[in-house]
Amino acid sequence: MNFMHALNAAWRERNSLLCVGLDPDPARFPAHLRGQPDAILTFCKAIVDATADLACSFKPQIAYFAAQRAEEQLEALIAHIHQAHPAIPVILDAKRGDIGSTAEQYAVEAFERFKADALTVNPYLGRDSIEPYLAYSDKGIILLCRTSNPGGSDLQFLDVGGEKLYERLARLVSKEWNVGGQCALVVGATFPSEIARVRELTGDMPLLVPGIGAQGGDIEATVRAGRTARGDGLLINSSRAILYAGMGEDFADAARRVAIDTRDAINVHRRP
């Protein structure tokens, strides 16, 4: 699967900018799943199957799997998505950041072991730190730019020659690093004015936007700040609000209802 082709097709065919984040926390699972050996896989597969027609992408967060020694369940989950919902790209949210042979191994982990279609990457070690990922020409590389946490301003707002560091990064990625058209950027929904600035600097580059739902980001402000002229260009992530919408055996149905509401709320603002 070519990530960018699949993403554009998903935006168009599913009429959705919703990215469903998969952050499985067994302590928050419905009671009937707790203690089961494959509870994480069972829970996430149910969420995926209930929301697949509503999403432009799925984004499993690797830490939630690794903390539970559930990397094999993550492999099985991504394999399930590719088999059951082959048109939907999978973003592995790992925020890898290293250089040389270590970065090469992280690329192997993401794209050959887990078979993700895209990977989140920390770019603050410079261009050579992302080149091992760019070598996979059909994969998406989604670089942290303006993160949704308050402490992101500690570094991302530093002045570097008359522009903020996050602005310098957005310009570098869009003008110099994105030679294969593989790159996207992470910009938090908690900062709509900065989403607009990144959009201004990067043209139609896709933006992964966390921070709506549990983190309090405003959907209307996010969409109006980040949409392209076509009304797409965004992967607006919601994780906990969808995953834990229900606590009974019908948890997947509850997740679907919230996903529908979220997708529809986004679509209201996609056109001028």
Protein backbone atom coordinates (compact mmCIF):
# COMPACT_ATOMS: atom_id res chain seq x y z
CA MET A 1 0.00 0.00 0.00
CA ASN A 2 1.23 3.48 -0.87
CA PHE A 3 0.34 5.56 2.17
CA MET A 4 -0.34 8.86 0.43
CA HIS A 5 -2.45 7.26 -2.31
CA ALA A 6 -4.45 5.31 0.26
CA LEU A 7 -4.96 8.38 2.43
CA ASN A 8 -6.24 10.49 -0.45
CA ALA A 9 -8.59 7.68 -1.49
CA ALA A 10 -9.87 7.30 2.08
CA TRP A 11 -10.59 11.03 2.37
CA ARG A 12 -12.56 10.89 -0.86
CA GLU A 13 -14.33 7.54 -0.66
CA ARG A 14 -15.20 7.62 3.05
CA ASN A 15 -15.88 11.36 3.18
CA SER A 16 -13.97 11.42 6.44
CA LEU A 17 -11.01 13.17 8.05
CA LEU A 18 -11.31 11.11 11.23
CA CYS A 19 -8.28 9.14 12.40
CA VAL A 20 -9.22 6.63 15.10
CA GLY A 21 -6.45 6.30 17.66
CA LEU A 22 -5.95 2.89 19.23
CA ASP A 23 -4.57 3.42 22.76
CA PRO A 24 -5.70 0.27 24.60
CA ASP A 25 -5.64 0.53 28.39
CA PRO A 26 -6.81 -2.78 29.93
CA ALA A 27 -7.80 -0.99 33.14
CA ARG A 28 -10.52 0.78 31.15
CA PHE A 29 -11.81 -2.26 29.27
CA PRO A 30 -15.33 -3.59 29.79
CA ALA A 31 -15.49 -6.11 32.60
CA HIS A 32 -16.09 -9.11 30.34
CA LEU A 33 -12.71 -8.57 28.62
CA ARG A 34 -10.52 -8.07 31.68
CA GLY A 35 -8.11 -10.86 32.38
CA GLN A 36 -8.44 -12.46 28.95
CA PRO A 37 -5.03 -13.28 27.44
CA ASP A 38 -5.78 -11.55 24.12
CA ALA A 39 -7.99 -8.81 25.53
CA ILE A 40 -6.09 -6.00 23.80
CA LEU A 41 -6.44 -7.60 20.39
CA THR A 42 -10.11 -8.47 20.96
CA PHE A 43 -10.91 -4.95 22.14
CA CYS A 44 -9.06 -3.17 19.33
CA LYS A 45 -10.41 -5.44 16.59
CA ALA A 46 -13.95 -4.72 17.77
CA ILE A 47 -13.29 -0.96 17.67
CA VAL A 48 -11.71 -1.22 14.22
CA ASP A 49 -14.54 -3.27 12.75
CA ALA A 50 -17.15 -0.92 14.21
CA THR A 51 -15.53 2.26 12.86
CA ALA A 52 -13.72 1.23 9.67
CA ASP A 53 -16.25 2.81 7.30
CA LEU A 54 -16.05 6.09 9.24
CA ALA A 55 -12.27 6.57 9.37
CA CYS A 56 -9.57 7.73 7.00
CA SER A 57 -6.89 5.95 9.08
CA PHE A 58 -6.16 4.03 12.25
CA LYS A 59 -3.34 5.02 14.62
CA PRO A 60 -2.19 2.41 17.16
CA GLN A 61 0.09 3.88 19.83
CA ILE A 62 2.93 1.42 20.38
CA ALA A 63 3.52 2.28 24.05
CA TYR A 64 0.11 0.94 25.06
CA PHE A 65 0.96 -2.41 23.52
CA ALA A 66 4.60 -2.61 24.64
CA ALA A 67 3.74 -1.74 28.25
CA GLN A 68 1.50 -4.81 28.37
CA ARG A 69 4.01 -7.06 26.53
CA ALA A 70 1.46 -7.14 23.71
CA GLU A 71 3.62 -6.44 20.65
CA GLU A 72 2.43 -9.69 19.07
CA GLN A 73 -1.15 -8.49 19.51
CA LEU A 74 -0.17 -5.25 17.77
CA GLU A 75 1.22 -7.25 14.84
CA ALA A 76 -1.98 -9.26 14.70
CA LEU A 77 -4.12 -6.12 14.89
CA ILE A 78 -2.36 -4.43 11.98
CA ALA A 79 -2.58 -7.66 9.99
CA HIS A 80 -6.32 -7.75 10.72
CA ILE A 81 -6.78 -4.17 9.51
CA HIS A 82 -4.90 -4.90 6.29
CA GLN A 83 -6.90 -8.06 5.67
CA ALA A 84 -10.38 -6.93 6.71
CA HIS A 85 -10.14 -3.25 5.74
CA PRO A 86 -7.36 -3.09 3.14
CA ALA A 87 -8.13 0.44 1.95
CA ILE A 88 -7.49 2.06 5.34
CA PRO A 89 -3.88 3.05 6.12
CA VAL A 90 -2.34 2.30 9.51
CA ILE A 91 -0.12 4.85 11.24
CA LEU A 92 2.18 3.43 13.90
CA ASP A 93 2.47 6.13 16.55
CA ALA A 94 5.95 5.51 17.95
CA LYS A 95 7.64 8.93 17.64
CA ARG A 96 10.99 7.33 16.88
CA GLY A 97 14.07 9.56 16.89
CA ASP A 98 17.64 8.34 16.47
CA ILE A 99 20.46 8.30 13.96
CA GLY A 100 22.36 5.91 11.75
CA SER A 101 21.99 2.17 12.17
CA THR A 102 19.56 2.59 15.08
CA ALA A 103 17.16 4.59 12.92
CA GLU A 104 17.49 1.90 10.27
CA GLN A 105 16.39 -0.71 12.79
CA TYR A 106 13.43 1.40 13.89
CA ALA A 107 12.40 1.60 10.23
CA VAL A 108 12.62 -2.19 9.94
CA GLU A 109 10.54 -2.52 13.11
CA ALA A 110 7.78 -0.22 11.86
CA PHE A 111 7.59 -1.18 8.21
CA GLU A 112 8.78 -4.80 8.07
CA ARG A 113 7.87 -6.25 11.45
CA PHE A 114 4.63 -4.38 12.16
CA LYS A 115 3.91 -3.57 8.49
CA ALA A 116 2.61 -0.10 9.26
CA ASP A 117 1.82 2.21 6.38
CA ALA A 118 3.19 5.29 8.15
CA LEU A 119 5.22 6.15 11.25
CA THR A 120 5.41 9.16 13.53
CA VAL A 121 8.98 10.41 13.89
CA ASN A 122 10.76 12.99 16.06
CA PRO A 123 12.74 15.14 13.58
CA TYR A 124 14.86 17.15 15.99
CA LEU A 125 18.02 15.18 15.23
CA GLY A 126 17.98 16.55 11.69
CA ARG A 127 17.51 15.26 8.18
CA ASP A 128 19.91 12.32 8.39
CA SER A 129 17.81 10.92 11.25
CA ILE A 130 14.77 10.53 9.00
CA GLU A 131 16.52 9.29 5.86
CA PRO A 132 16.25 5.60 6.87
CA TYR A 133 12.46 5.99 6.94
CA LEU A 134 12.35 7.91 3.66
CA ALA A 135 14.12 4.94 2.03
CA TYR A 136 10.75 3.15 2.18
CA SER A 137 9.28 5.09 -0.72
CA ASP A 138 5.68 3.89 -0.30
CA LYS A 139 5.50 4.69 3.42
CA GLY A 140 4.37 7.87 5.16
CA ILE A 141 6.68 9.74 7.51
CA ILE A 142 4.77 11.96 9.95
CA LEU A 143 7.08 14.36 11.77
CA LEU A 144 6.38 16.13 15.04
CA CYS A 145 6.06 19.85 14.42
CA ARG A 146 3.79 21.71 16.86
CA THR A 147 2.69 19.28 19.53
CA SER A 148 -0.54 19.55 21.54
CA ASN A 149 1.04 19.53 25.02
CA PRO A 150 1.55 22.86 26.84
CA GLY A 151 5.26 22.18 27.34
CA GLY A 152 5.81 21.98 23.60
CA SER A 153 6.27 25.74 23.59
CA ASP A 154 9.43 25.40 25.69
CA LEU A 155 11.36 24.46 22.55
CA GLN A 156 9.04 24.75 19.58
CA PHE A 157 8.57 28.51 20.12
CA LEU A 158 12.29 29.31 20.30
CA ASP A 159 13.37 32.02 17.90
CA VAL A 160 15.69 30.73 15.19
CA GLY A 161 16.72 33.51 12.88
CA GLY A 162 13.46 35.44 13.00
CA GLU A 163 11.05 32.49 12.95
CA LYS A 164 9.87 29.99 15.54
CA LEU A 165 11.47 26.58 15.60
CA TYR A 166 8.26 24.79 14.62
CA GLU A 167 7.94 27.15 11.64
CA ARG A 168 11.52 26.42 10.57
CA LEU A 169 10.80 22.71 10.78
CA ALA A 170 7.57 22.99 8.75
CA ARG A 171 9.39 24.92 6.05
CA LEU A 172 12.36 22.53 5.97
CA VAL A 173 10.17 19.46 5.71
CA SER A 174 7.92 20.85 3.00
CA LYS A 175 10.62 22.54 0.90
CA GLU A 176 13.70 20.33 1.34
CA TRP A 177 13.01 16.99 3.05
CA ASN A 178 9.82 15.91 1.30
CA VAL A 179 11.50 14.99 -1.97
CA GLY A 180 9.47 11.80 -2.38
CA GLY A 181 6.15 13.30 -1.31
CA GLN A 182 6.01 11.01 1.74
CA CYS A 183 5.96 13.52 4.57
CA ALA A 184 3.25 14.83 6.84
CA LEU A 185 3.39 16.84 10.06
CA VAL A 186 1.88 16.60 13.54
CA VAL A 187 0.19 19.80 14.70
CA GLY A 188 -1.98 19.83 17.83
CA ALA A 189 -5.64 20.81 17.78
CA THR A 190 -5.06 22.83 20.94
CA PHE A 191 -3.31 25.53 18.83
CA PRO A 192 -5.54 26.45 15.86
CA SER A 193 -3.55 29.56 14.94
CA GLU A 194 -0.42 27.44 14.63
CA ILE A 195 -2.28 24.88 12.51
CA ALA A 196 -3.12 27.76 10.17
CA ARG A 197 0.51 28.88 10.12
CA VAL A 198 1.76 25.39 9.32
CA ARG A 199 -0.81 25.09 6.55
CA GLU A 200 0.39 28.42 5.16
CA LEU A 201 4.00 27.19 5.15
CA THR A 202 3.41 23.71 3.75
CA GLY A 203 0.72 23.99 1.10
CA ASP A 204 -1.37 20.82 0.88
CA MET A 205 0.89 18.59 2.99
CA PRO A 206 -1.20 16.28 5.23
CA LEU A 207 -1.42 17.26 8.88
CA LEU A 208 -2.04 14.74 11.66
CA VAL A 209 -3.95 16.63 14.34
CA PRO A 210 -4.28 15.13 17.84
CA GLY A 211 -5.99 16.92 20.67
CA ILE A 212 -9.74 16.87 20.04
CA GLY A 213 -12.04 14.99 22.37
CA ALA A 214 -10.39 14.22 25.70
CA GLN A 215 -7.70 16.89 25.21
CA GLY A 216 -10.25 19.62 24.54
CA GLY A 217 -9.34 20.77 21.04
CA ASP A 218 -12.08 22.60 19.14
CA ILE A 219 -13.25 20.78 16.01
CA GLU A 220 -14.50 23.83 14.11
CA ALA A 221 -11.36 25.86 14.78
CA THR A 222 -9.17 22.89 13.84
CA VAL A 223 -10.88 22.22 10.52
CA ARG A 224 -11.09 25.84 9.46
CA ALA A 225 -7.42 26.38 10.28
CA GLY A 226 -6.08 23.26 8.60
CA ARG A 227 -8.29 22.23 5.70
CA THR A 228 -6.99 22.51 2.16
CA ALA A 229 -8.92 24.11 -0.68
CA ARG A 230 -10.34 20.64 -1.42
CA GLY A 231 -11.67 20.36 2.12
CA ASP A 232 -9.25 17.62 3.15
CA GLY A 233 -5.55 17.53 4.16
CA LEU A 234 -6.23 16.60 7.79
CA LEU A 235 -6.14 13.43 9.86
CA ILE A 236 -8.01 14.53 12.96
CA ASN A 237 -7.31 12.00 15.66
CA SER A 238 -9.65 10.94 18.41
CA SER A 239 -8.67 8.11 20.72
CA ARG A 240 -10.08 7.91 24.24
CA ALA A 241 -13.41 9.59 23.47
CA ILE A 242 -14.16 6.84 20.95
CA LEU A 243 -12.46 3.87 22.61
CA TYR A 244 -14.10 4.28 25.99
CA ALA A 245 -17.50 5.60 24.95
CA GLY A 246 -19.13 2.52 26.49
CA MET A 247 -18.21 0.12 29.28
CA GLY A 248 -20.62 -2.73 28.58
CA GLU A 249 -20.61 -5.60 26.12
CA ASP A 250 -21.91 -3.15 23.50
CA PHE A 251 -18.75 -1.00 23.79
CA ALA A 252 -18.04 -1.23 20.06
CA ASP A 253 -21.52 0.05 19.21
CA ALA A 254 -20.99 2.97 21.60
CA ALA A 255 -17.63 3.68 19.95
CA ARG A 256 -19.30 3.69 16.55
CA ARG A 257 -21.89 6.23 17.66
CA VAL A 258 -19.21 8.61 18.91
CA ALA A 259 -17.16 8.09 15.74
CA ILE A 260 -20.21 8.98 13.61
CA ASP A 261 -20.82 12.11 15.66
CA THR A 262 -17.16 13.11 15.43
CA ARG A 263 -16.90 12.52 11.69
CA ASP A 264 -20.10 14.46 11.08
CA ALA A 265 -19.00 17.34 13.31
CA ILE A 266 -15.77 17.55 11.32
CA ASN A 267 -17.55 17.45 7.95
CA VAL A 268 -19.79 20.39 8.82
CA HIS A 269 -16.76 22.67 8.58
CA ARG A 270 -14.85 21.18 5.63
CA ARG A 271 -16.17 23.66 3.06
CA PRO A 272 -15.94 27.47 3.20
